Amino acid sequence: MDLLPLFLNLSGRTVVLVGGGRVAVGKLQQLLAAGARVRVIAPEVCPEIVRADTARVQVCERPFQAADLDEAWLVVAAATPPVNREVAAAGERRRIFVNAVDDPENASAFLSGVVRRDGVTIAISTSGEAPALTALVREGIDALLPADLAAWREIARTTRLAWKRDGIPMEDRKPRLLRAINERYEDRTEREALAERLVPWLNCPEDSWP
């Protein structure tokens, strides 16, 4: 199954979380970190959810009803497979994407392993079929990233502004960015230190860029 990678702006938007156990706690933290307003639906809710930020979390201690998805932008189902199936059906009717935790048969959206570093976000997915592999790849990518990634991001941000101003074509920007980042490491000692950070593609030939 080929998935479309997508980053969602959930700030101030309603997300329904079906389930009130330990797994739901982790998903709630992710959603709140993304700025969402979360409606939690479950017959029983663990204390961590009850104590959550009441300004952005609405807790309904009862079984799921299809109408709970009204006005939702996204649904996360962290319940039993039968309940997840009910949530998936209700979401399909309303054309709302449903993430069913560890239940790919009832999911139309898949949360990914995420690396967040210095304003850069990288997401990894195995289509919900191999979450342990997702975690391993995430850790590997995190180890691969340079320690000074924030400086790379600032170089990319400022040069992009200049390129847009000067009308530099999109296809010419990546080689220019590579050269600009390399200029940061004119000192040979710094270059060797960077190599030890396992960034083998930093000094790759420009014709290797698509």
N, C-alpha and C. Protein backbone atom coordinates (compact mmCIF):
# COMPACT_ATOMS: atom_id res chain seq x y z
N MET A 1 0.84 -1.19 0.00
CA MET A 1 0.00 0.00 0.00
C MET A 1 0.88 1.24 0.00
N ASP A 2 0.74 2.08 -1.02
CA ASP A 2 1.49 3.32 -1.10
C ASP A 2 0.72 4.43 -0.40
N LEU A 3 1.36 5.09 0.55
CA LEU A 3 0.72 6.15 1.32
C LEU A 3 1.27 7.51 0.89
N LEU A 4 0.46 8.54 1.06
CA LEU A 4 0.89 9.91 0.80
C LEU A 4 1.37 10.51 2.11
N PRO A 5 2.67 10.78 2.27
CA PRO A 5 3.14 11.43 3.50
C PRO A 5 2.54 12.83 3.59
N LEU A 6 2.09 13.20 4.78
CA LEU A 6 1.38 14.46 4.93
C LEU A 6 1.56 14.98 6.35
N PHE A 7 1.82 16.27 6.49
CA PHE A 7 1.89 16.89 7.81
C PHE A 7 0.64 17.75 8.00
N LEU A 8 -0.06 17.54 9.09
CA LEU A 8 -1.32 18.22 9.33
C LEU A 8 -1.15 19.36 10.33
N ASN A 9 -1.82 20.47 10.06
CA ASN A 9 -1.90 21.57 11.01
C ASN A 9 -3.17 21.36 11.84
N LEU A 10 -3.01 20.85 13.05
CA LEU A 10 -4.15 20.56 13.92
C LEU A 10 -4.39 21.64 14.97
N SER A 11 -3.64 22.71 14.91
CA SER A 11 -3.75 23.76 15.93
C SER A 11 -5.17 24.32 16.00
N GLY A 12 -5.79 24.19 17.17
CA GLY A 12 -7.14 24.71 17.39
C GLY A 12 -8.23 23.88 16.76
N ARG A 13 -7.90 22.75 16.12
CA ARG A 13 -8.90 21.92 15.45
C ARG A 13 -9.27 20.71 16.32
N THR A 14 -10.49 20.24 16.16
CA THR A 14 -10.99 19.14 16.99
C THR A 14 -10.55 17.79 16.46
N VAL A 15 -9.96 16.99 17.35
CA VAL A 15 -9.61 15.60 17.06
C VAL A 15 -10.32 14.73 18.07
N VAL A 16 -10.95 13.67 17.61
CA VAL A 16 -11.64 12.74 18.50
C VAL A 16 -10.70 11.58 18.81
N LEU A 17 -10.54 11.30 20.09
CA LEU A 17 -9.72 10.18 20.55
C LEU A 17 -10.64 9.18 21.23
N VAL A 18 -10.79 8.00 20.62
CA VAL A 18 -11.67 6.97 21.16
C VAL A 18 -10.80 5.96 21.91
N GLY A 19 -10.99 5.91 23.22
CA GLY A 19 -10.19 5.05 24.08
C GLY A 19 -9.67 5.84 25.26
N GLY A 20 -9.55 5.18 26.39
CA GLY A 20 -9.13 5.91 27.58
C GLY A 20 -8.03 5.22 28.36
N GLY A 21 -7.30 4.29 27.74
CA GLY A 21 -6.24 3.55 28.41
C GLY A 21 -4.88 4.16 28.23
N ARG A 22 -3.84 3.36 28.54
CA ARG A 22 -2.47 3.85 28.48
C ARG A 22 -2.06 4.25 27.07
N VAL A 23 -2.50 3.49 26.08
CA VAL A 23 -2.17 3.85 24.70
C VAL A 23 -2.78 5.20 24.34
N ALA A 24 -4.01 5.41 24.78
CA ALA A 24 -4.69 6.68 24.50
C ALA A 24 -3.96 7.85 25.15
N VAL A 25 -3.34 7.61 26.31
CA VAL A 25 -2.59 8.69 26.98
C VAL A 25 -1.46 9.18 26.08
N GLY A 26 -0.72 8.24 25.49
CA GLY A 26 0.37 8.62 24.60
C GLY A 26 -0.12 9.38 23.39
N LYS A 27 -1.23 8.94 22.81
CA LYS A 27 -1.78 9.64 21.64
C LYS A 27 -2.29 11.02 22.03
N LEU A 28 -2.87 11.14 23.21
CA LEU A 28 -3.35 12.44 23.68
C LEU A 28 -2.20 13.43 23.79
N GLN A 29 -1.07 12.97 24.32
CA GLN A 29 0.09 13.85 24.45
C GLN A 29 0.57 14.33 23.09
N GLN A 30 0.58 13.43 22.11
CA GLN A 30 0.98 13.82 20.75
C GLN A 30 0.05 14.87 20.17
N LEU A 31 -1.25 14.66 20.36
CA LEU A 31 -2.24 15.57 19.79
C LEU A 31 -2.18 16.94 20.45
N LEU A 32 -2.01 16.96 21.77
CA LEU A 32 -1.91 18.23 22.47
C LEU A 32 -0.64 18.97 22.07
N ALA A 33 0.46 18.24 21.86
CA ALA A 33 1.70 18.87 21.42
C ALA A 33 1.53 19.52 20.05
N ALA A 34 0.61 18.98 19.25
CA ALA A 34 0.33 19.56 17.93
C ALA A 34 -0.70 20.68 17.99
N GLY A 35 -1.16 21.01 19.19
CA GLY A 35 -2.09 22.12 19.35
C GLY A 35 -3.56 21.79 19.14
N ALA A 36 -3.89 20.50 19.06
CA ALA A 36 -5.28 20.11 18.79
C ALA A 36 -6.17 20.29 20.03
N ARG A 37 -7.45 20.41 19.77
CA ARG A 37 -8.48 20.31 20.81
C ARG A 37 -9.00 18.87 20.73
N VAL A 38 -8.97 18.16 21.85
CA VAL A 38 -9.22 16.72 21.81
C VAL A 38 -10.48 16.36 22.59
N ARG A 39 -11.32 15.56 21.92
CA ARG A 39 -12.52 15.02 22.55
C ARG A 39 -12.27 13.54 22.81
N VAL A 40 -12.17 13.14 24.07
CA VAL A 40 -11.88 11.76 24.45
C VAL A 40 -13.18 11.04 24.75
N ILE A 41 -13.38 9.89 24.09
CA ILE A 41 -14.60 9.09 24.27
C ILE A 41 -14.20 7.70 24.74
N ALA A 42 -14.66 7.32 25.93
CA ALA A 42 -14.39 5.97 26.44
C ALA A 42 -15.24 5.73 27.69
N PRO A 43 -15.72 4.49 27.89
CA PRO A 43 -16.49 4.19 29.11
C PRO A 43 -15.66 4.38 30.38
N GLU A 44 -14.37 4.07 30.29
CA GLU A 44 -13.46 4.26 31.42
C GLU A 44 -12.23 5.01 30.96
N VAL A 45 -11.82 5.99 31.75
CA VAL A 45 -10.71 6.86 31.36
C VAL A 45 -9.68 6.86 32.49
N CYS A 46 -8.42 6.66 32.14
CA CYS A 46 -7.38 6.59 33.16
C CYS A 46 -7.11 7.99 33.73
N PRO A 47 -6.54 8.07 34.93
CA PRO A 47 -6.37 9.36 35.62
C PRO A 47 -5.55 10.37 34.83
N GLU A 48 -4.53 9.93 34.07
CA GLU A 48 -3.71 10.88 33.32
C GLU A 48 -4.54 11.68 32.33
N ILE A 49 -5.56 11.06 31.76
CA ILE A 49 -6.43 11.78 30.83
C ILE A 49 -7.35 12.72 31.59
N VAL A 50 -7.87 12.27 32.70
CA VAL A 50 -8.78 13.11 33.51
C VAL A 50 -8.05 14.38 33.95
N ARG A 51 -6.76 14.25 34.25
CA ARG A 51 -5.99 15.40 34.75
C ARG A 51 -5.46 16.28 33.62
N ALA A 52 -5.74 15.94 32.38
CA ALA A 52 -5.21 16.70 31.24
C ALA A 52 -5.78 18.11 31.21
N ASP A 53 -5.17 18.93 30.38
CA ASP A 53 -5.57 20.34 30.21
C ASP A 53 -7.04 20.44 29.82
N THR A 54 -7.89 20.83 30.76
CA THR A 54 -9.34 20.86 30.50
C THR A 54 -9.73 21.93 29.49
N ALA A 55 -8.85 22.91 29.27
CA ALA A 55 -9.16 23.94 28.29
C ALA A 55 -9.16 23.37 26.87
N ARG A 56 -8.40 22.30 26.65
CA ARG A 56 -8.31 21.72 25.31
C ARG A 56 -8.72 20.25 25.26
N VAL A 57 -9.12 19.69 26.38
CA VAL A 57 -9.52 18.27 26.41
C VAL A 57 -10.93 18.15 26.98
N GLN A 58 -11.81 17.55 26.20
CA GLN A 58 -13.17 17.25 26.65
C GLN A 58 -13.27 15.74 26.84
N VAL A 59 -13.62 15.30 28.03
CA VAL A 59 -13.70 13.87 28.34
C VAL A 59 -15.16 13.45 28.46
N CYS A 60 -15.54 12.44 27.68
CA CYS A 60 -16.89 11.89 27.73
C CYS A 60 -16.79 10.42 28.13
N GLU A 61 -17.13 10.11 29.36
CA GLU A 61 -17.00 8.74 29.87
C GLU A 61 -18.25 7.94 29.54
N ARG A 62 -18.28 7.42 28.32
CA ARG A 62 -19.40 6.63 27.82
C ARG A 62 -18.95 5.91 26.55
N PRO A 63 -19.73 4.95 26.05
CA PRO A 63 -19.37 4.28 24.80
C PRO A 63 -19.40 5.24 23.60
N PHE A 64 -18.66 4.88 22.58
CA PHE A 64 -18.59 5.68 21.36
C PHE A 64 -19.93 5.72 20.64
N GLN A 65 -20.26 6.89 20.08
CA GLN A 65 -21.43 7.07 19.22
C GLN A 65 -20.96 7.73 17.93
N ALA A 66 -21.58 7.39 16.84
CA ALA A 66 -21.16 7.93 15.55
C ALA A 66 -21.18 9.46 15.54
N ALA A 67 -22.13 10.04 16.25
CA ALA A 67 -22.25 11.50 16.28
C ALA A 67 -21.06 12.17 16.96
N ASP A 68 -20.25 11.38 17.67
CA ASP A 68 -19.06 11.95 18.31
C ASP A 68 -18.07 12.50 17.29
N LEU A 69 -18.18 12.06 16.04
CA LEU A 69 -17.26 12.52 15.01
C LEU A 69 -17.68 13.83 14.36
N ASP A 70 -18.85 14.34 14.73
CA ASP A 70 -19.30 15.61 14.17
C ASP A 70 -18.28 16.70 14.46
N GLU A 71 -17.91 17.46 13.46
CA GLU A 71 -16.99 18.60 13.54
C GLU A 71 -15.53 18.17 13.75
N ALA A 72 -15.26 16.89 13.68
CA ALA A 72 -13.87 16.44 13.86
C ALA A 72 -13.09 16.56 12.55
N TRP A 73 -11.82 16.86 12.68
CA TRP A 73 -10.92 16.90 11.53
C TRP A 73 -10.17 15.58 11.37
N LEU A 74 -10.00 14.88 12.48
CA LEU A 74 -9.24 13.62 12.49
C LEU A 74 -9.74 12.79 13.66
N VAL A 75 -9.64 11.46 13.52
CA VAL A 75 -10.04 10.55 14.60
C VAL A 75 -8.90 9.60 14.89
N VAL A 76 -8.63 9.38 16.18
CA VAL A 76 -7.67 8.38 16.61
C VAL A 76 -8.42 7.34 17.42
N ALA A 77 -8.42 6.10 16.95
CA ALA A 77 -9.11 5.01 17.64
C ALA A 77 -8.08 4.18 18.38
N ALA A 78 -8.15 4.21 19.70
CA ALA A 78 -7.22 3.45 20.55
C ALA A 78 -8.02 2.55 21.47
N ALA A 79 -8.98 1.85 20.90
CA ALA A 79 -9.88 1.00 21.67
C ALA A 79 -9.73 -0.46 21.21
N THR A 80 -10.73 -1.27 21.48
CA THR A 80 -10.70 -2.66 21.05
C THR A 80 -11.00 -2.75 19.55
N PRO A 81 -10.61 -3.85 18.89
CA PRO A 81 -10.89 -3.97 17.45
C PRO A 81 -12.35 -3.78 17.08
N PRO A 82 -13.33 -4.33 17.83
CA PRO A 82 -14.74 -4.06 17.46
C PRO A 82 -15.10 -2.58 17.52
N VAL A 83 -14.62 -1.88 18.56
CA VAL A 83 -14.91 -0.45 18.67
C VAL A 83 -14.18 0.31 17.56
N ASN A 84 -12.93 -0.05 17.31
CA ASN A 84 -12.18 0.60 16.22
C ASN A 84 -12.90 0.43 14.88
N ARG A 85 -13.48 -0.77 14.68
CA ARG A 85 -14.21 -1.04 13.44
C ARG A 85 -15.43 -0.12 13.33
N GLU A 86 -16.10 0.09 14.43
CA GLU A 86 -17.27 0.98 14.45
C GLU A 86 -16.84 2.42 14.17
N VAL A 87 -15.74 2.82 14.76
CA VAL A 87 -15.21 4.17 14.53
C VAL A 87 -14.82 4.35 13.07
N ALA A 88 -14.15 3.32 12.50
CA ALA A 88 -13.73 3.39 11.11
C ALA A 88 -14.92 3.53 10.17
N ALA A 89 -15.97 2.80 10.44
CA ALA A 89 -17.16 2.88 9.60
C ALA A 89 -17.81 4.25 9.68
N ALA A 90 -17.89 4.80 10.89
CA ALA A 90 -18.47 6.13 11.06
C ALA A 90 -17.60 7.19 10.37
N GLY A 91 -16.28 7.03 10.46
CA GLY A 91 -15.38 7.98 9.80
C GLY A 91 -15.49 7.89 8.29
N GLU A 92 -15.62 6.68 7.75
CA GLU A 92 -15.75 6.49 6.31
C GLU A 92 -17.00 7.18 5.78
N ARG A 93 -18.09 7.06 6.51
CA ARG A 93 -19.33 7.71 6.07
C ARG A 93 -19.20 9.22 6.05
N ARG A 94 -18.41 9.76 6.96
CA ARG A 94 -18.26 11.21 7.07
C ARG A 94 -17.03 11.73 6.31
N ARG A 95 -16.28 10.84 5.67
CA ARG A 95 -15.05 11.21 4.96
C ARG A 95 -14.04 11.85 5.90
N ILE A 96 -13.90 11.26 7.08
CA ILE A 96 -12.92 11.70 8.07
C ILE A 96 -11.87 10.59 8.21
N PHE A 97 -10.61 10.96 8.15
CA PHE A 97 -9.56 9.96 8.27
C PHE A 97 -9.47 9.44 9.71
N VAL A 98 -9.22 8.13 9.82
CA VAL A 98 -9.17 7.46 11.12
C VAL A 98 -7.82 6.79 11.27
N ASN A 99 -7.14 7.12 12.36
CA ASN A 99 -5.94 6.38 12.74
C ASN A 99 -6.33 5.38 13.81
N ALA A 100 -6.22 4.08 13.50
CA ALA A 100 -6.53 3.02 14.46
C ALA A 100 -5.22 2.44 14.96
N VAL A 101 -4.95 2.61 16.24
CA VAL A 101 -3.66 2.26 16.81
C VAL A 101 -3.42 0.75 16.74
N ASP A 102 -2.33 0.35 16.08
CA ASP A 102 -1.95 -1.06 15.95
C ASP A 102 -3.09 -1.90 15.37
N ASP A 103 -3.85 -1.30 14.48
CA ASP A 103 -5.03 -1.97 13.89
C ASP A 103 -5.18 -1.48 12.45
N PRO A 104 -4.24 -1.83 11.57
CA PRO A 104 -4.24 -1.26 10.21
C PRO A 104 -5.50 -1.55 9.40
N GLU A 105 -6.19 -2.65 9.70
CA GLU A 105 -7.40 -2.97 8.94
C GLU A 105 -8.49 -1.93 9.14
N ASN A 106 -8.47 -1.26 10.29
CA ASN A 106 -9.50 -0.26 10.58
C ASN A 106 -8.96 1.17 10.48
N ALA A 107 -7.86 1.35 9.77
CA ALA A 107 -7.23 2.67 9.68
C ALA A 107 -7.22 3.17 8.25
N SER A 108 -7.44 4.46 8.11
CA SER A 108 -7.25 5.14 6.82
C SER A 108 -6.15 6.19 6.92
N ALA A 109 -5.58 6.35 8.12
CA ALA A 109 -4.45 7.26 8.35
C ALA A 109 -3.51 6.58 9.33
N PHE A 110 -2.22 6.81 9.15
CA PHE A 110 -1.22 6.13 9.97
C PHE A 110 -0.28 7.17 10.57
N LEU A 111 -0.21 7.20 11.90
CA LEU A 111 0.76 8.05 12.55
C LEU A 111 2.14 7.42 12.38
N SER A 112 3.16 8.25 12.28
CA SER A 112 4.49 7.77 11.92
C SER A 112 5.46 7.90 13.08
N GLY A 113 6.61 7.24 12.91
CA GLY A 113 7.72 7.53 13.80
C GLY A 113 8.27 8.89 13.42
N VAL A 114 8.56 9.72 14.40
CA VAL A 114 8.93 11.11 14.11
C VAL A 114 10.25 11.47 14.77
N VAL A 115 11.11 12.12 13.99
CA VAL A 115 12.32 12.73 14.51
C VAL A 115 12.12 14.24 14.45
N ARG A 116 12.22 14.91 15.58
CA ARG A 116 12.13 16.38 15.62
C ARG A 116 13.44 16.92 16.16
N ARG A 117 14.08 17.77 15.37
CA ARG A 117 15.36 18.32 15.80
C ARG A 117 15.54 19.71 15.21
N ASP A 118 15.65 20.71 16.07
CA ASP A 118 16.01 22.07 15.63
C ASP A 118 15.12 22.59 14.50
N GLY A 119 13.81 22.36 14.61
CA GLY A 119 12.88 22.87 13.61
C GLY A 119 12.74 21.99 12.38
N VAL A 120 13.42 20.84 12.36
CA VAL A 120 13.31 19.89 11.25
C VAL A 120 12.52 18.68 11.74
N THR A 121 11.51 18.28 10.97
CA THR A 121 10.69 17.13 11.32
C THR A 121 10.79 16.09 10.22
N ILE A 122 11.11 14.85 10.61
CA ILE A 122 11.20 13.73 9.68
C ILE A 122 10.26 12.65 10.16
N ALA A 123 9.40 12.15 9.26
CA ALA A 123 8.44 11.12 9.62
C ALA A 123 8.74 9.83 8.87
N ILE A 124 8.58 8.69 9.56
CA ILE A 124 8.84 7.38 8.99
C ILE A 124 7.62 6.50 9.19
N SER A 125 7.22 5.79 8.14
CA SER A 125 6.05 4.92 8.24
C SER A 125 6.32 3.58 7.57
N THR A 126 5.73 2.52 8.14
CA THR A 126 5.72 1.21 7.49
C THR A 126 4.27 0.79 7.24
N SER A 127 3.41 1.78 7.00
CA SER A 127 1.99 1.55 6.70
C SER A 127 1.28 0.81 7.83
N GLY A 128 1.76 0.99 9.05
CA GLY A 128 1.13 0.36 10.20
C GLY A 128 1.42 -1.11 10.35
N GLU A 129 2.28 -1.67 9.49
CA GLU A 129 2.51 -3.12 9.50
C GLU A 129 3.73 -3.54 10.31
N ALA A 130 4.67 -2.62 10.55
CA ALA A 130 5.89 -2.99 11.27
C ALA A 130 6.34 -1.84 12.15
N PRO A 131 5.60 -1.54 13.22
CA PRO A 131 5.94 -0.38 14.06
C PRO A 131 7.32 -0.48 14.71
N ALA A 132 7.78 -1.70 15.02
CA ALA A 132 9.11 -1.83 15.61
C ALA A 132 10.19 -1.40 14.63
N LEU A 133 10.01 -1.73 13.34
CA LEU A 133 10.96 -1.29 12.32
C LEU A 133 10.92 0.22 12.18
N THR A 134 9.73 0.80 12.26
CA THR A 134 9.62 2.25 12.21
C THR A 134 10.46 2.88 13.31
N ALA A 135 10.40 2.32 14.52
CA ALA A 135 11.17 2.86 15.64
C ALA A 135 12.66 2.73 15.40
N LEU A 136 13.10 1.60 14.84
CA LEU A 136 14.53 1.40 14.57
C LEU A 136 15.03 2.39 13.53
N VAL A 137 14.26 2.58 12.45
CA VAL A 137 14.66 3.52 11.41
C VAL A 137 14.70 4.93 11.96
N ARG A 138 13.73 5.27 12.80
CA ARG A 138 13.71 6.60 13.41
C ARG A 138 14.98 6.84 14.23
N GLU A 139 15.38 5.86 15.03
CA GLU A 139 16.59 6.02 15.84
C GLU A 139 17.83 6.14 14.95
N GLY A 140 17.85 5.38 13.86
CA GLY A 140 18.99 5.45 12.95
C GLY A 140 19.11 6.81 12.30
N ILE A 141 17.99 7.35 11.84
CA ILE A 141 18.00 8.67 11.21
C ILE A 141 18.40 9.75 12.21
N ASP A 142 17.91 9.62 13.43
CA ASP A 142 18.25 10.60 14.47
C ASP A 142 19.76 10.61 14.71
N ALA A 143 20.38 9.42 14.69
CA ALA A 143 21.83 9.34 14.89
C ALA A 143 22.60 9.89 13.69
N LEU A 144 22.00 9.83 12.51
CA LEU A 144 22.66 10.29 11.29
C LEU A 144 22.70 11.80 11.16
N LEU A 145 21.72 12.48 11.72
CA LEU A 145 21.61 13.93 11.54
C LEU A 145 22.78 14.65 12.19
N PRO A 146 23.25 15.74 11.59
CA PRO A 146 24.39 16.48 12.15
C PRO A 146 24.03 17.19 13.45
N ALA A 147 25.02 17.37 14.29
CA ALA A 147 24.78 18.02 15.58
C ALA A 147 24.37 19.48 15.41
N ASP A 148 24.82 20.10 14.31
CA ASP A 148 24.53 21.53 14.09
C ASP A 148 23.42 21.71 13.06
N LEU A 149 22.40 20.89 13.12
CA LEU A 149 21.31 20.95 12.15
C LEU A 149 20.61 22.31 12.18
N ALA A 150 20.56 22.94 13.35
CA ALA A 150 19.92 24.26 13.44
C ALA A 150 20.62 25.26 12.51
N ALA A 151 21.94 25.16 12.42
CA ALA A 151 22.68 26.06 11.52
C ALA A 151 22.35 25.76 10.07
N TRP A 152 22.22 24.48 9.72
CA TRP A 152 21.83 24.11 8.35
C TRP A 152 20.47 24.71 8.02
N ARG A 153 19.55 24.60 8.95
CA ARG A 153 18.19 25.13 8.71
C ARG A 153 18.23 26.64 8.50
N GLU A 154 19.04 27.34 9.28
CA GLU A 154 19.13 28.79 9.14
C GLU A 154 19.75 29.16 7.79
N ILE A 155 20.77 28.41 7.36
CA ILE A 155 21.36 28.66 6.05
C ILE A 155 20.32 28.46 4.96
N ALA A 156 19.55 27.37 5.07
CA ALA A 156 18.53 27.07 4.06
C ALA A 156 17.44 28.14 4.06
N ARG A 157 17.08 28.63 5.23
CA ARG A 157 16.01 29.65 5.31
C ARG A 157 16.45 30.96 4.69
N THR A 158 17.63 31.42 5.05
CA THR A 158 18.07 32.73 4.56
C THR A 158 18.41 32.69 3.07
N THR A 159 19.04 31.59 2.62
CA THR A 159 19.35 31.51 1.19
C THR A 159 18.08 31.39 0.35
N ARG A 160 17.07 30.71 0.87
CA ARG A 160 15.80 30.60 0.13
C ARG A 160 15.20 31.97 -0.11
N LEU A 161 15.25 32.84 0.90
CA LEU A 161 14.70 34.19 0.74
C LEU A 161 15.43 34.93 -0.38
N ALA A 162 16.75 34.78 -0.41
CA ALA A 162 17.53 35.45 -1.45
C ALA A 162 17.23 34.85 -2.83
N TRP A 163 17.10 33.53 -2.89
CA TRP A 163 16.82 32.87 -4.17
C TRP A 163 15.45 33.26 -4.72
N LYS A 164 14.47 33.37 -3.83
CA LYS A 164 13.14 33.80 -4.28
C LYS A 164 13.19 35.22 -4.79
N ARG A 165 13.94 36.07 -4.08
CA ARG A 165 14.07 37.46 -4.52
C ARG A 165 14.74 37.57 -5.88
N ASP A 166 15.75 36.72 -6.09
CA ASP A 166 16.53 36.78 -7.33
C ASP A 166 15.98 35.89 -8.44
N GLY A 167 14.88 35.17 -8.17
CA GLY A 167 14.27 34.34 -9.19
C GLY A 167 15.09 33.11 -9.58
N ILE A 168 15.83 32.55 -8.62
CA ILE A 168 16.62 31.35 -8.91
C ILE A 168 15.68 30.17 -9.13
N PRO A 169 15.81 29.42 -10.23
CA PRO A 169 14.91 28.28 -10.50
C PRO A 169 15.03 27.22 -9.41
N MET A 170 13.93 26.48 -9.18
CA MET A 170 13.90 25.46 -8.15
C MET A 170 14.98 24.41 -8.36
N GLU A 171 15.22 24.02 -9.62
CA GLU A 171 16.18 22.94 -9.89
C GLU A 171 17.61 23.35 -9.59
N ASP A 172 17.87 24.65 -9.45
CA ASP A 172 19.23 25.11 -9.17
C ASP A 172 19.49 25.30 -7.67
N ARG A 173 18.45 25.17 -6.86
CA ARG A 173 18.59 25.54 -5.45
C ARG A 173 19.31 24.49 -4.60
N LYS A 174 19.05 23.20 -4.87
CA LYS A 174 19.68 22.19 -4.02
C LYS A 174 21.21 22.17 -4.16
N PRO A 175 21.77 22.22 -5.37
CA PRO A 175 23.23 22.31 -5.46
C PRO A 175 23.79 23.56 -4.78
N ARG A 176 23.07 24.68 -4.90
CA ARG A 176 23.52 25.91 -4.24
C ARG A 176 23.50 25.75 -2.72
N LEU A 177 22.46 25.07 -2.22
CA LEU A 177 22.38 24.85 -0.78
C LEU A 177 23.52 23.95 -0.30
N LEU A 178 23.84 22.93 -1.08
CA LEU A 178 24.95 22.04 -0.73
C LEU A 178 26.24 22.84 -0.61
N ARG A 179 26.49 23.72 -1.57
CA ARG A 179 27.71 24.53 -1.52
C ARG A 179 27.69 25.47 -0.32
N ALA A 180 26.54 26.06 -0.02
CA ALA A 180 26.45 26.99 1.11
C ALA A 180 26.71 26.28 2.44
N ILE A 181 26.22 25.05 2.57
CA ILE A 181 26.46 24.30 3.81
C ILE A 181 27.93 23.90 3.90
N ASN A 182 28.51 23.49 2.78
CA ASN A 182 29.93 23.11 2.78
C ASN A 182 30.83 24.27 3.18
N GLU A 183 30.42 25.49 2.82
CA GLU A 183 31.22 26.66 3.17
C GLU A 183 31.33 26.84 4.68
N ARG A 184 30.41 26.26 5.40
CA ARG A 184 30.44 26.34 6.86
C ARG A 184 31.62 25.56 7.43
N TYR A 185 32.13 24.60 6.64
CA TYR A 185 33.17 23.71 7.14
C TYR A 185 34.47 23.90 6.35
N GLU A 186 34.91 25.13 6.21
CA GLU A 186 36.14 25.39 5.48
C GLU A 186 37.35 24.87 6.24
N ASP A 187 37.28 24.83 7.55
CA ASP A 187 38.37 24.29 8.36
C ASP A 187 38.38 22.77 8.25
N ARG A 188 39.54 22.21 7.90
CA ARG A 188 39.64 20.77 7.69
C ARG A 188 39.29 19.99 8.96
N THR A 189 39.66 20.49 10.10
CA THR A 189 39.35 19.81 11.36
C THR A 189 37.86 19.70 11.55
N GLU A 190 37.14 20.78 11.23
CA GLU A 190 35.69 20.75 11.34
C GLU A 190 35.09 19.74 10.37
N ARG A 191 35.66 19.65 9.17
CA ARG A 191 35.16 18.69 8.18
C ARG A 191 35.33 17.26 8.70
N GLU A 192 36.49 16.97 9.29
CA GLU A 192 36.73 15.63 9.81
C GLU A 192 35.79 15.32 10.97
N ALA A 193 35.55 16.32 11.80
CA ALA A 193 34.61 16.11 12.91
C ALA A 193 33.22 15.83 12.39
N LEU A 194 32.84 16.54 11.32
CA LEU A 194 31.52 16.31 10.74
C LEU A 194 31.41 14.90 10.16
N ALA A 195 32.49 14.43 9.53
CA ALA A 195 32.48 13.09 8.96
C ALA A 195 32.24 12.05 10.04
N GLU A 196 32.78 12.31 11.21
CA GLU A 196 32.57 11.38 12.33
C GLU A 196 31.12 11.33 12.76
N ARG A 197 30.35 12.36 12.40
CA ARG A 197 28.91 12.38 12.70
C ARG A 197 28.12 11.58 11.66
N LEU A 198 28.82 10.92 10.74
CA LEU A 198 28.19 10.03 9.76
C LEU A 198 27.22 10.78 8.85
N VAL A 199 27.69 11.78 8.17
CA VAL A 199 26.89 12.49 7.17
C VAL A 199 27.59 12.32 5.83
N PRO A 200 27.56 11.11 5.24
CA PRO A 200 28.37 10.83 4.06
C PRO A 200 27.98 11.60 2.83
N TRP A 201 26.75 12.13 2.78
CA TRP A 201 26.28 12.76 1.56
C TRP A 201 26.58 14.25 1.51
N LEU A 202 27.18 14.80 2.58
CA LEU A 202 27.40 16.25 2.59
C LEU A 202 28.32 16.70 1.46
N ASN A 203 29.35 15.89 1.16
CA ASN A 203 30.31 16.27 0.12
C ASN A 203 30.11 15.48 -1.16
N CYS A 204 28.89 15.07 -1.41
CA CYS A 204 28.63 14.30 -2.63
C CYS A 204 28.72 15.21 -3.85
N PRO A 205 29.01 14.64 -5.05
CA PRO A 205 29.07 15.46 -6.26
C PRO A 205 27.73 16.11 -6.58
N GLU A 206 27.79 17.29 -7.11
CA GLU A 206 26.55 18.01 -7.39
C GLU A 206 25.67 17.31 -8.42
N ASP A 207 26.29 16.53 -9.32
CA ASP A 207 25.47 15.88 -10.33
C ASP A 207 24.69 14.70 -9.76
N SER A 208 24.91 14.40 -8.46
CA SER A 208 24.11 13.34 -7.84
C SER A 208 22.77 13.86 -7.37
N TRP A 209 22.59 15.18 -7.40
CA TRP A 209 21.31 15.75 -6.99
C TRP A 209 20.33 15.64 -8.15
N PRO A 210 19.11 15.16 -7.87
CA PRO A 210 18.13 15.05 -8.95
C PRO A 210 17.65 16.41 -9.42
